[in-house]
Amino acid sequence: MRRPLFDPSARKKTVSLTLNGDLYAKAKARGINASQVAEAALAAALAAREADEIRADIEMDLAAYNAYVDKHGSPAEMLRDHLADRDDAA
């Protein structure tokens, strides 16, 4: 199971944001809750950043695996050869 990116039940914290005044006034006039929108946007940005970091880790791991295969050969192929040799000896 995937771990959550943040604790949704954590206490709210008052922060200061700098927003375009006209945008804020028009959004507020239409009943848009800026705090909810900001929280959702931050959650989405956090998820995107974490996905980028995971993708970078996978790319590094894949590069290391490919370097190993280039130098030593495929571990899967080595295992198949080993098991085939055992089967032939039996």
N, C-alpha and C. Protein backbone atom coordinates (compact mmCIF):
# COMPACT_ATOMS: atom_id res chain seq x y z
N MET A 1 0.84 -1.18 0.00
CA MET A 1 0.00 0.00 0.00
C MET A 1 0.88 1.24 0.00
N ARG A 2 0.49 2.22 -0.78
CA ARG A 2 1.28 3.44 -0.89
C ARG A 2 1.06 4.33 0.33
N ARG A 3 2.14 4.89 0.82
CA ARG A 3 2.03 5.79 1.96
C ARG A 3 1.51 7.15 1.50
N PRO A 4 0.70 7.80 2.33
CA PRO A 4 0.18 9.12 1.94
C PRO A 4 1.31 10.14 1.89
N LEU A 5 1.15 11.14 1.04
CA LEU A 5 2.17 12.18 0.90
C LEU A 5 2.19 13.13 2.09
N PHE A 6 1.04 13.26 2.75
CA PHE A 6 0.95 14.14 3.92
C PHE A 6 -0.20 13.65 4.77
N ASP A 7 -0.25 14.13 6.00
CA ASP A 7 -1.30 13.74 6.93
C ASP A 7 -2.51 14.65 6.75
N PRO A 8 -3.58 14.17 6.11
CA PRO A 8 -4.74 15.04 5.88
C PRO A 8 -5.46 15.44 7.16
N SER A 9 -5.18 14.74 8.25
CA SER A 9 -5.84 15.09 9.51
C SER A 9 -4.99 16.03 10.37
N ALA A 10 -3.84 16.46 9.86
CA ALA A 10 -2.99 17.38 10.62
C ALA A 10 -3.71 18.71 10.83
N ARG A 11 -3.34 19.39 11.90
CA ARG A 11 -3.96 20.69 12.21
C ARG A 11 -3.68 21.68 11.09
N LYS A 12 -4.62 22.56 10.87
CA LYS A 12 -4.46 23.63 9.89
C LYS A 12 -3.47 24.65 10.43
N LYS A 13 -2.74 25.29 9.53
CA LYS A 13 -1.76 26.30 9.92
C LYS A 13 -2.05 27.57 9.12
N THR A 14 -2.08 28.68 9.80
CA THR A 14 -2.29 29.95 9.13
C THR A 14 -0.99 30.36 8.47
N VAL A 15 -1.07 30.67 7.17
CA VAL A 15 0.11 31.10 6.41
C VAL A 15 -0.26 32.35 5.63
N SER A 16 0.74 33.01 5.13
CA SER A 16 0.52 34.21 4.34
C SER A 16 0.86 33.90 2.88
N LEU A 17 -0.07 34.20 1.99
CA LEU A 17 0.16 34.02 0.56
C LEU A 17 0.02 35.37 -0.13
N THR A 18 0.78 35.59 -1.16
CA THR A 18 0.65 36.79 -1.96
C THR A 18 -0.05 36.40 -3.25
N LEU A 19 -1.22 36.97 -3.47
CA LEU A 19 -2.03 36.64 -4.63
C LEU A 19 -2.39 37.91 -5.40
N ASN A 20 -2.72 37.75 -6.65
CA ASN A 20 -3.24 38.86 -7.44
C ASN A 20 -4.56 39.30 -6.80
N GLY A 21 -4.63 40.57 -6.44
CA GLY A 21 -5.79 41.08 -5.72
C GLY A 21 -7.09 40.94 -6.50
N ASP A 22 -7.06 41.22 -7.79
CA ASP A 22 -8.26 41.12 -8.61
C ASP A 22 -8.71 39.67 -8.72
N LEU A 23 -7.77 38.77 -8.91
CA LEU A 23 -8.09 37.34 -8.99
C LEU A 23 -8.73 36.87 -7.69
N TYR A 24 -8.14 37.25 -6.58
CA TYR A 24 -8.68 36.83 -5.28
C TYR A 24 -10.09 37.38 -5.07
N ALA A 25 -10.29 38.66 -5.38
CA ALA A 25 -11.60 39.29 -5.16
C ALA A 25 -12.67 38.62 -6.02
N LYS A 26 -12.35 38.33 -7.27
CA LYS A 26 -13.32 37.70 -8.16
C LYS A 26 -13.61 36.26 -7.73
N ALA A 27 -12.59 35.55 -7.31
CA ALA A 27 -12.80 34.18 -6.84
C ALA A 27 -13.65 34.18 -5.57
N LYS A 28 -13.34 35.08 -4.66
CA LYS A 28 -14.10 35.17 -3.40
C LYS A 28 -15.55 35.54 -3.68
N ALA A 29 -15.77 36.45 -4.61
CA ALA A 29 -17.13 36.88 -4.95
C ALA A 29 -17.96 35.72 -5.52
N ARG A 30 -17.29 34.76 -6.10
CA ARG A 30 -18.00 33.61 -6.67
C ARG A 30 -18.01 32.42 -5.72
N GLY A 31 -17.63 32.67 -4.49
CA GLY A 31 -17.72 31.63 -3.47
C GLY A 31 -16.60 30.60 -3.49
N ILE A 32 -15.51 30.92 -4.13
CA ILE A 32 -14.37 29.99 -4.19
C ILE A 32 -13.56 30.14 -2.91
N ASN A 33 -13.33 29.04 -2.22
CA ASN A 33 -12.56 29.04 -0.99
C ASN A 33 -11.08 28.94 -1.35
N ALA A 34 -10.37 30.05 -1.19
CA ALA A 34 -8.96 30.11 -1.59
C ALA A 34 -8.10 29.12 -0.80
N SER A 35 -8.43 28.90 0.46
CA SER A 35 -7.66 27.96 1.27
C SER A 35 -7.79 26.54 0.73
N GLN A 36 -9.00 26.15 0.37
CA GLN A 36 -9.21 24.80 -0.17
C GLN A 36 -8.51 24.64 -1.52
N VAL A 37 -8.60 25.66 -2.36
CA VAL A 37 -7.96 25.61 -3.67
C VAL A 37 -6.44 25.55 -3.51
N ALA A 38 -5.90 26.36 -2.61
CA ALA A 38 -4.45 26.37 -2.38
C ALA A 38 -3.98 25.02 -1.84
N GLU A 39 -4.74 24.45 -0.91
CA GLU A 39 -4.36 23.15 -0.34
C GLU A 39 -4.39 22.07 -1.42
N ALA A 40 -5.42 22.07 -2.25
CA ALA A 40 -5.50 21.07 -3.33
C ALA A 40 -4.35 21.25 -4.33
N ALA A 41 -4.04 22.51 -4.65
CA ALA A 41 -2.95 22.77 -5.60
C ALA A 41 -1.61 22.35 -5.02
N LEU A 42 -1.40 22.62 -3.73
CA LEU A 42 -0.15 22.19 -3.09
C LEU A 42 -0.04 20.67 -3.04
N ALA A 43 -1.15 19.99 -2.77
CA ALA A 43 -1.14 18.53 -2.75
C ALA A 43 -0.79 17.98 -4.13
N ALA A 44 -1.36 18.59 -5.17
CA ALA A 44 -1.07 18.15 -6.54
C ALA A 44 0.38 18.42 -6.91
N ALA A 45 0.91 19.57 -6.51
CA ALA A 45 2.30 19.90 -6.79
C ALA A 45 3.24 18.96 -6.04
N LEU A 46 2.90 18.63 -4.81
CA LEU A 46 3.70 17.70 -4.02
C LEU A 46 3.70 16.32 -4.66
N ALA A 47 2.55 15.86 -5.11
CA ALA A 47 2.46 14.55 -5.77
C ALA A 47 3.28 14.54 -7.06
N ALA A 48 3.22 15.62 -7.82
CA ALA A 48 4.00 15.70 -9.06
C ALA A 48 5.49 15.70 -8.77
N ARG A 49 5.90 16.43 -7.74
CA ARG A 49 7.33 16.47 -7.37
C ARG A 49 7.81 15.11 -6.92
N GLU A 50 7.01 14.42 -6.11
CA GLU A 50 7.39 13.09 -5.66
C GLU A 50 7.47 12.12 -6.83
N ALA A 51 6.55 12.21 -7.77
CA ALA A 51 6.59 11.35 -8.95
C ALA A 51 7.86 11.61 -9.76
N ASP A 52 8.24 12.87 -9.89
CA ASP A 52 9.49 13.21 -10.60
C ASP A 52 10.70 12.61 -9.90
N GLU A 53 10.71 12.70 -8.56
CA GLU A 53 11.84 12.14 -7.79
C GLU A 53 11.90 10.62 -7.92
N ILE A 54 10.75 9.98 -7.88
CA ILE A 54 10.71 8.52 -8.03
C ILE A 54 11.17 8.13 -9.43
N ARG A 55 10.71 8.87 -10.43
CA ARG A 55 11.12 8.60 -11.81
C ARG A 55 12.63 8.73 -11.95
N ALA A 56 13.22 9.76 -11.35
CA ALA A 56 14.67 9.96 -11.41
C ALA A 56 15.40 8.80 -10.72
N ASP A 57 14.89 8.34 -9.58
CA ASP A 57 15.50 7.20 -8.88
C ASP A 57 15.44 5.94 -9.75
N ILE A 58 14.32 5.72 -10.39
CA ILE A 58 14.18 4.54 -11.26
C ILE A 58 15.16 4.62 -12.42
N GLU A 59 15.30 5.80 -13.01
CA GLU A 59 16.24 5.96 -14.12
C GLU A 59 17.67 5.69 -13.67
N MET A 60 18.04 6.14 -12.47
CA MET A 60 19.39 5.87 -11.94
C MET A 60 19.58 4.37 -11.71
N ASP A 61 18.57 3.73 -11.12
CA ASP A 61 18.66 2.29 -10.87
C ASP A 61 18.76 1.52 -12.17
N LEU A 62 18.00 1.91 -13.16
CA LEU A 62 18.03 1.24 -14.45
C LEU A 62 19.38 1.42 -15.13
N ALA A 63 19.96 2.60 -15.02
CA ALA A 63 21.29 2.84 -15.60
C ALA A 63 22.33 1.97 -14.90
N ALA A 64 22.23 1.84 -13.58
CA ALA A 64 23.18 0.98 -12.84
C ALA A 64 23.00 -0.47 -13.24
N TYR A 65 21.75 -0.92 -13.39
CA TYR A 65 21.49 -2.30 -13.80
C TYR A 65 22.04 -2.54 -15.21
N ASN A 66 21.79 -1.62 -16.11
CA ASN A 66 22.30 -1.77 -17.48
C ASN A 66 23.82 -1.79 -17.52
N ALA A 67 24.47 -0.98 -16.68
CA ALA A 67 25.94 -1.00 -16.61
C ALA A 67 26.42 -2.36 -16.10
N TYR A 68 25.72 -2.92 -15.11
CA TYR A 68 26.07 -4.24 -14.60
C TYR A 68 25.92 -5.30 -15.69
N VAL A 69 24.82 -5.26 -16.42
CA VAL A 69 24.59 -6.23 -17.49
C VAL A 69 25.66 -6.10 -18.56
N ASP A 70 26.02 -4.87 -18.91
CA ASP A 70 27.07 -4.66 -19.92
C ASP A 70 28.40 -5.26 -19.47
N LYS A 71 28.69 -5.15 -18.17
CA LYS A 71 29.98 -5.63 -17.65
C LYS A 71 29.95 -7.13 -17.35
N HIS A 72 28.86 -7.65 -16.77
CA HIS A 72 28.84 -9.02 -16.26
C HIS A 72 27.85 -9.94 -16.98
N GLY A 73 26.97 -9.40 -17.76
CA GLY A 73 25.94 -10.21 -18.40
C GLY A 73 24.65 -10.15 -17.61
N SER A 74 23.62 -10.75 -18.18
CA SER A 74 22.29 -10.70 -17.59
C SER A 74 22.17 -11.68 -16.43
N PRO A 75 21.78 -11.21 -15.24
CA PRO A 75 21.57 -12.14 -14.12
C PRO A 75 20.50 -13.19 -14.44
N ALA A 76 19.48 -12.82 -15.17
CA ALA A 76 18.43 -13.78 -15.53
C ALA A 76 19.00 -14.86 -16.43
N GLU A 77 19.82 -14.46 -17.39
CA GLU A 77 20.44 -15.44 -18.30
C GLU A 77 21.40 -16.34 -17.53
N MET A 78 22.14 -15.75 -16.59
CA MET A 78 23.06 -16.57 -15.77
C MET A 78 22.28 -17.61 -14.96
N LEU A 79 21.15 -17.21 -14.40
CA LEU A 79 20.33 -18.14 -13.63
C LEU A 79 19.77 -19.24 -14.52
N ARG A 80 19.28 -18.86 -15.70
CA ARG A 80 18.77 -19.88 -16.63
C ARG A 80 19.86 -20.88 -16.99
N ASP A 81 21.06 -20.38 -17.28
CA ASP A 81 22.18 -21.26 -17.61
C ASP A 81 22.51 -22.19 -16.45
N HIS A 82 22.54 -21.62 -15.23
CA HIS A 82 22.85 -22.41 -14.04
C HIS A 82 21.81 -23.52 -13.84
N LEU A 83 20.54 -23.16 -13.95
CA LEU A 83 19.48 -24.15 -13.76
C LEU A 83 19.49 -25.19 -14.86
N ALA A 84 19.80 -24.81 -16.07
CA ALA A 84 19.89 -25.76 -17.18
C ALA A 84 21.04 -26.73 -16.94
N ASP A 85 22.17 -26.22 -16.42
CA ASP A 85 23.31 -27.09 -16.12
C ASP A 85 22.93 -28.08 -15.02
N ARG A 86 22.19 -27.65 -14.01
CA ARG A 86 21.74 -28.56 -12.93
C ARG A 86 20.81 -29.62 -13.48
N ASP A 87 19.90 -29.21 -14.36
CA ASP A 87 18.96 -30.17 -14.96
C ASP A 87 19.71 -31.19 -15.81
N ASP A 88 20.74 -30.73 -16.53
CA ASP A 88 21.51 -31.64 -17.38
C ASP A 88 22.30 -32.63 -16.54
N ALA A 89 22.77 -32.19 -15.36
CA ALA A 89 23.57 -33.07 -14.49
C ALA A 89 22.71 -34.11 -13.80
N ALA A 90 21.43 -33.80 -13.67
CA ALA A 90 20.54 -34.73 -12.94
C ALA A 90 20.09 -35.90 -13.75
